[in-house]
C-alpha cells in the first residue's frame, strides 16, 4: 500500500497547479502532501516490522504475536492513520471549495461527500484517544474496507479529473 500512496503523492501538487487561481489552495495542498507522507511512513514502518517479525517469529512466537498486535494497531496503525485521513479530509474540503467557485457542481458534490468522511475519522480518533469512553462516540464505526474504498474512490476520481480535458 505504501507504493500506492507514493504514486498518489503528486496528485495534491498537480491539482494545485490546475486550480492555482485560488491561492488559498496552497494550504490545502500542504495538508494533502502531509497526509500522504504520513500514510507512506506508517505503511513502510508496518511492512518493515512485519518483515522483521517474520524472520524472528520462530524464536518466541508468543512475544512476536503480541508485538505485532501492539505495533500495527497501537503504535503504527489506528491513530496515526486516522490523523492522516483527517488531514486528507481537510485537503479535500479546500478542493471542494475550489470546485464550488469554479461552478463544477458534480466535482464539488463528490468532494463534499468525501470530506464528510473526515468527521467520522475524527469521531473514531477521539474514541481511541480518550481514556474515559463516551457512549455516543461508539455510534459511528468505520472499518478498513470503507476507509480504503473511500480513499481509492477519491484519488481515482481526482486522477481522472486531472487527466481529462478541461
Foldseek 3Di string as FASTA:
>chain_A
DLVVLVVLLCLLVLLCVVLVVDVVLVVLSVLLNVLSVLVNVLVVVLVVLVVVCVVCCVVPVVVSVVVNCCCDPPPSHPLSNLVSLLSNLSSLVSVLVSCVVVVVVVSNVLSVVLSVVNVLSVLSNCQVPDPDHDPVSVPRDDDPVNVVVSVVVVSVVSVCVSPDDD
